[in-house]
Amino acid sequence: GLVQDMEGNSFPGLGKADWSFTTVGLDATGPVVQSLSPVDGAMDVPKNQIFTITFDEDIEPHPYNTTGGAQILIKNSSDNSTQRTYYNTLDYLGARLDVSGGTVTLNSSDLAGYEILEASTQYHFYFPGSSFQNKNGVATTYQTGDDFWTFTTGPKPVEESRYPAHNATDVELVPDVEIDYDISFSFVSPTAQILVLYKNGAVVRGYTPQDDEIRLDGDKLFFE
């Protein structure tokens, strides 16, 4: 026999009736979307929105996707033009796609913080069924239509008031400047410049969102 005791007696072995087991069956069902954030058809979506897709199981990028990795597109619904392309294996114009467990995260701004979506515009997501697969290699099989996951961005902020007022006189040399808008907003880019000019057009100084003297609070912009 294969083994024996110290006295030389062989172990008779185990037969089918002594020890049997059944392997788990292969999961032949592809990953299914459980939730979207924001929800399908969402309105007033911020232009710097972070989008997430949650599947019912852990996923990974499909290795046979010939576009360089998992691919998701944001398209303008008015003309079906592509606004943003996401890959998981390369940096395309700063587009960011991350996969963790069963969740895909998409950042609508690029790596420099620039927003790529327009205000008051309807968009939709598109990705081929082969973009992702489960751990058994079974790919997603739907989400291929142009009506998958639509959303509409919010309107541009409209200025309602400012201090000091336009053409104000006798303004202190270092005023606390405030501009009020009708809705909350964010900066398009962390490096965007706001210039203070003399009447002849010469630049007094420039501000960026990273400066300590500039502050954004909901729908109010302060220069301090």
Protein backbone atom coordinates (compact mmCIF):
# COMPACT_ATOMS: atom_id res chain seq x y z
CA GLY A 1 0.00 0.00 0.00
CA LEU A 2 0.88 3.62 -0.12
CA VAL A 3 1.43 3.88 3.63
CA GLN A 4 1.95 1.37 6.47
CA ASP A 5 2.22 1.38 10.23
CA MET A 6 5.34 0.74 12.26
CA GLU A 7 4.64 -3.00 12.21
CA GLY A 8 4.52 -3.15 8.42
CA ASN A 9 0.76 -3.36 8.05
CA SER A 10 -0.38 -1.62 4.86
CA PHE A 11 -3.18 0.92 4.87
CA PRO A 12 -6.00 -0.57 2.76
CA GLY A 13 -6.81 2.82 1.18
CA LEU A 14 -10.04 4.70 0.68
CA GLY A 15 -12.68 3.85 -1.82
CA LYS A 16 -15.51 5.84 -3.43
CA ALA A 17 -17.77 5.13 -0.48
CA ASP A 18 -15.15 6.34 2.00
CA TRP A 19 -14.42 9.85 0.65
CA SER A 20 -16.11 11.64 -2.23
CA PHE A 21 -16.79 15.28 -3.09
CA THR A 22 -18.28 17.40 -5.89
CA THR A 23 -16.62 20.47 -7.38
CA VAL A 24 -18.49 23.75 -7.70
CA GLY A 25 -20.00 24.44 -11.10
CA LEU A 26 -18.53 27.15 -13.36
CA ASP A 27 -20.35 30.48 -13.10
CA ALA A 28 -21.52 30.97 -16.66
CA THR A 29 -23.39 34.20 -15.91
CA GLY A 30 -21.61 37.45 -16.63
CA PRO A 31 -21.45 40.32 -14.13
CA VAL A 32 -24.71 42.28 -13.81
CA VAL A 33 -24.96 45.97 -12.94
CA GLN A 34 -26.57 46.44 -9.52
CA SER A 35 -26.45 50.21 -9.18
CA LEU A 36 -25.32 53.41 -10.86
CA SER A 37 -24.30 56.68 -9.25
CA PRO A 38 -25.75 59.06 -10.18
CA VAL A 39 -28.87 57.13 -11.18
CA ASP A 40 -29.92 56.68 -14.79
CA GLY A 41 -31.72 59.81 -15.98
CA ALA A 42 -30.24 62.04 -13.26
CA MET A 43 -30.59 65.80 -13.73
CA ASP A 44 -28.40 68.72 -12.63
CA VAL A 45 -25.33 66.49 -12.40
CA PRO A 46 -22.18 68.49 -11.51
CA LYS A 47 -19.62 68.75 -14.27
CA ASN A 48 -16.97 67.38 -11.90
CA GLN A 49 -19.11 64.39 -10.90
CA ILE A 50 -17.40 61.13 -9.93
CA PHE A 51 -19.37 58.25 -11.51
CA THR A 52 -19.56 54.70 -10.14
CA ILE A 53 -20.89 51.42 -11.54
CA THR A 54 -21.45 48.61 -9.04
CA PHE A 55 -21.73 45.00 -10.25
CA ASP A 56 -23.16 42.00 -8.41
CA GLU A 57 -19.74 40.35 -8.17
CA ASP A 58 -16.05 41.18 -8.32
CA ILE A 59 -14.85 42.07 -11.79
CA GLU A 60 -11.65 42.69 -13.68
CA PRO A 61 -10.86 44.28 -17.05
CA HIS A 62 -11.32 41.88 -19.96
CA PRO A 63 -7.82 40.92 -21.23
CA TYR A 64 -8.95 40.57 -24.85
CA ASN A 65 -10.30 44.08 -25.24
CA THR A 66 -8.26 45.33 -28.20
CA THR A 67 -8.60 49.01 -27.28
CA GLY A 68 -5.89 48.86 -24.64
CA GLY A 69 -8.00 47.71 -21.70
CA ALA A 70 -11.49 48.18 -20.37
CA GLN A 71 -13.17 50.92 -22.36
CA ILE A 72 -16.05 53.18 -21.37
CA LEU A 73 -17.19 56.19 -23.34
CA ILE A 74 -19.18 59.27 -22.36
CA LYS A 75 -21.14 60.46 -25.39
CA ASN A 76 -23.04 63.64 -26.11
CA SER A 77 -26.63 62.49 -26.63
CA SER A 78 -27.43 65.23 -29.15
CA ASP A 79 -25.03 63.97 -31.83
CA ASN A 80 -23.55 60.77 -30.32
CA SER A 81 -20.06 62.29 -30.37
CA THR A 82 -17.56 60.93 -27.86
CA GLN A 83 -16.78 63.34 -25.04
CA ARG A 84 -14.46 61.12 -23.01
CA THR A 85 -12.85 57.70 -23.43
CA TYR A 86 -11.69 55.69 -20.42
CA TYR A 87 -9.16 52.87 -20.41
CA ASN A 88 -7.82 50.93 -17.46
CA THR A 89 -4.32 50.32 -18.78
CA LEU A 90 -3.29 53.67 -20.23
CA ASP A 91 -3.78 57.35 -19.60
CA TYR A 92 -5.86 58.87 -22.40
CA LEU A 93 -6.05 62.66 -22.02
CA GLY A 94 -5.97 62.16 -18.27
CA ALA A 95 -9.14 60.04 -18.16
CA ARG A 96 -9.28 57.96 -15.00
CA LEU A 97 -10.92 54.57 -14.62
CA ASP A 98 -10.42 52.48 -11.48
CA VAL A 99 -11.66 48.96 -10.72
CA SER A 100 -11.92 47.76 -7.13
CA GLY A 101 -13.86 44.61 -6.28
CA GLY A 102 -17.19 44.97 -8.06
CA THR A 103 -17.04 48.75 -8.47
CA VAL A 104 -15.85 50.84 -11.40
CA THR A 105 -15.07 54.49 -10.65
CA LEU A 106 -14.87 57.15 -13.36
CA ASN A 107 -13.65 60.70 -12.79
CA SER A 108 -15.18 63.23 -15.17
CA SER A 109 -12.26 65.64 -14.70
CA ASP A 110 -8.81 64.94 -16.08
CA LEU A 111 -5.64 64.56 -14.01
CA ALA A 112 -5.08 68.34 -14.00
CA GLY A 113 -8.60 68.92 -12.70
CA TYR A 114 -10.02 70.31 -15.95
CA GLU A 115 -13.69 69.57 -16.50
CA ILE A 116 -14.62 68.12 -19.88
CA LEU A 117 -18.43 68.20 -19.66
CA GLU A 118 -20.59 71.12 -20.80
CA ALA A 119 -23.35 72.68 -18.75
CA SER A 120 -27.04 71.87 -19.41
CA THR A 121 -26.14 68.97 -21.70
CA GLN A 122 -27.43 65.39 -21.84
CA TYR A 123 -24.83 62.64 -22.00
CA HIS A 124 -24.93 58.86 -21.93
CA PHE A 125 -22.43 56.10 -21.18
CA TYR A 126 -21.49 53.37 -23.61
CA PHE A 127 -19.23 50.38 -23.15
CA PRO A 128 -18.97 47.11 -25.06
CA GLY A 129 -19.98 43.86 -23.42
CA SER A 130 -16.37 42.68 -23.41
CA SER A 131 -15.05 45.53 -21.27
CA PHE A 132 -15.21 43.59 -17.99
CA GLN A 133 -15.40 39.99 -16.83
CA ASN A 134 -15.83 38.06 -13.58
CA LYS A 135 -13.08 35.98 -11.98
CA ASN A 136 -14.10 32.99 -14.13
CA GLY A 137 -13.53 34.97 -17.30
CA VAL A 138 -17.24 35.42 -18.17
CA ALA A 139 -17.71 38.86 -19.70
CA THR A 140 -20.48 41.37 -19.24
CA THR A 141 -23.06 40.80 -21.95
CA TYR A 142 -25.12 43.97 -22.13
CA GLN A 143 -24.81 47.73 -21.50
CA THR A 144 -24.09 48.13 -25.21
CA GLY A 145 -26.96 50.43 -26.18
CA ASP A 146 -26.71 54.18 -26.48
CA ASP A 147 -29.52 54.62 -23.97
CA PHE A 148 -27.51 53.04 -21.17
CA TRP A 149 -27.11 55.39 -18.21
CA THR A 150 -28.08 58.87 -19.32
CA PHE A 151 -27.58 62.02 -17.27
CA THR A 152 -27.90 65.77 -17.76
CA THR A 153 -25.47 68.31 -16.36
CA GLY A 154 -26.67 71.34 -14.43
CA PRO A 155 -26.86 74.89 -15.80
CA LYS A 156 -24.09 77.46 -15.69
CA PRO A 157 -24.06 79.70 -12.60
CA VAL A 158 -25.62 83.12 -13.16
CA GLU A 159 -24.26 86.11 -11.29
CA GLU A 160 -26.87 87.73 -9.03
CA SER A 161 -24.90 90.41 -7.18
CA ARG A 162 -21.42 91.65 -6.47
CA TYR A 163 -19.63 93.78 -3.91
CA PRO A 164 -18.36 96.39 -4.56
CA ALA A 165 -21.05 97.22 -7.13
CA HIS A 166 -20.17 97.96 -10.74
CA ASN A 167 -18.76 101.50 -11.07
CA ALA A 168 -18.68 101.90 -7.28
CA THR A 169 -16.67 104.86 -5.99
CA ASP A 170 -14.74 105.54 -2.79
CA VAL A 171 -13.97 101.83 -2.45
CA GLU A 172 -11.35 101.05 0.21
CA LEU A 173 -7.92 100.16 -1.13
CA VAL A 174 -8.12 96.53 0.05
CA PRO A 175 -11.81 95.65 -0.14
CA ASP A 176 -13.39 92.30 0.67
CA VAL A 177 -14.79 91.39 -2.74
CA GLU A 178 -17.81 89.10 -2.98
CA ILE A 179 -19.71 87.72 -6.00
CA ASP A 180 -23.01 85.90 -5.45
CA TYR A 181 -24.42 83.38 -7.93
CA ASP A 182 -27.81 81.70 -8.25
CA ILE A 183 -26.47 78.17 -7.66
CA SER A 184 -23.51 76.47 -6.01
CA PHE A 185 -20.59 75.80 -8.30
CA SER A 186 -16.97 74.67 -8.46
CA PHE A 187 -13.92 75.85 -10.30
CA VAL A 188 -13.35 74.40 -13.78
CA SER A 189 -9.64 73.99 -13.08
CA PRO A 190 -7.41 74.37 -10.01
CA THR A 191 -5.11 76.52 -12.16
CA ALA A 192 -7.79 78.77 -13.68
CA GLN A 193 -6.94 82.45 -13.33
CA ILE A 194 -9.14 85.33 -12.22
CA LEU A 195 -7.54 88.68 -13.09
CA VAL A 196 -8.01 92.03 -11.39
CA LEU A 197 -7.43 94.79 -13.95
CA TYR A 198 -6.91 98.51 -13.98
CA LYS A 199 -9.39 100.48 -16.08
CA ASN A 200 -6.81 100.63 -18.89
CA GLY A 201 -6.63 96.83 -18.96
CA ALA A 202 -3.33 96.43 -17.15
CA VAL A 203 -3.23 93.52 -14.69
CA VAL A 204 -3.24 94.40 -10.99
CA ARG A 205 -2.87 90.77 -9.95
CA GLY A 206 -4.13 87.31 -10.74
CA TYR A 207 -5.82 84.73 -8.52
CA THR A 208 -6.07 80.96 -8.80
CA PRO A 209 -8.31 78.63 -6.75
CA GLN A 210 -5.20 77.50 -4.89
CA ASP A 211 -4.53 80.97 -3.43
CA ASP A 212 -5.35 81.58 0.23
CA GLU A 213 -6.98 84.90 -0.65
CA ILE A 214 -9.74 83.31 -2.73
CA ARG A 215 -12.55 81.29 -1.18
CA LEU A 216 -15.56 79.49 -2.62
CA ASP A 217 -18.53 78.89 -0.31
CA GLY A 218 -21.49 77.30 -2.08
CA ASP A 219 -22.86 80.00 -4.37
CA LYS A 220 -20.53 82.75 -3.11
CA LEU A 221 -17.05 83.68 -4.28
CA PHE A 222 -14.84 85.75 -1.97
CA PHE A 223 -11.58 87.61 -2.55
CA GLU A 224 -10.09 88.48 0.82
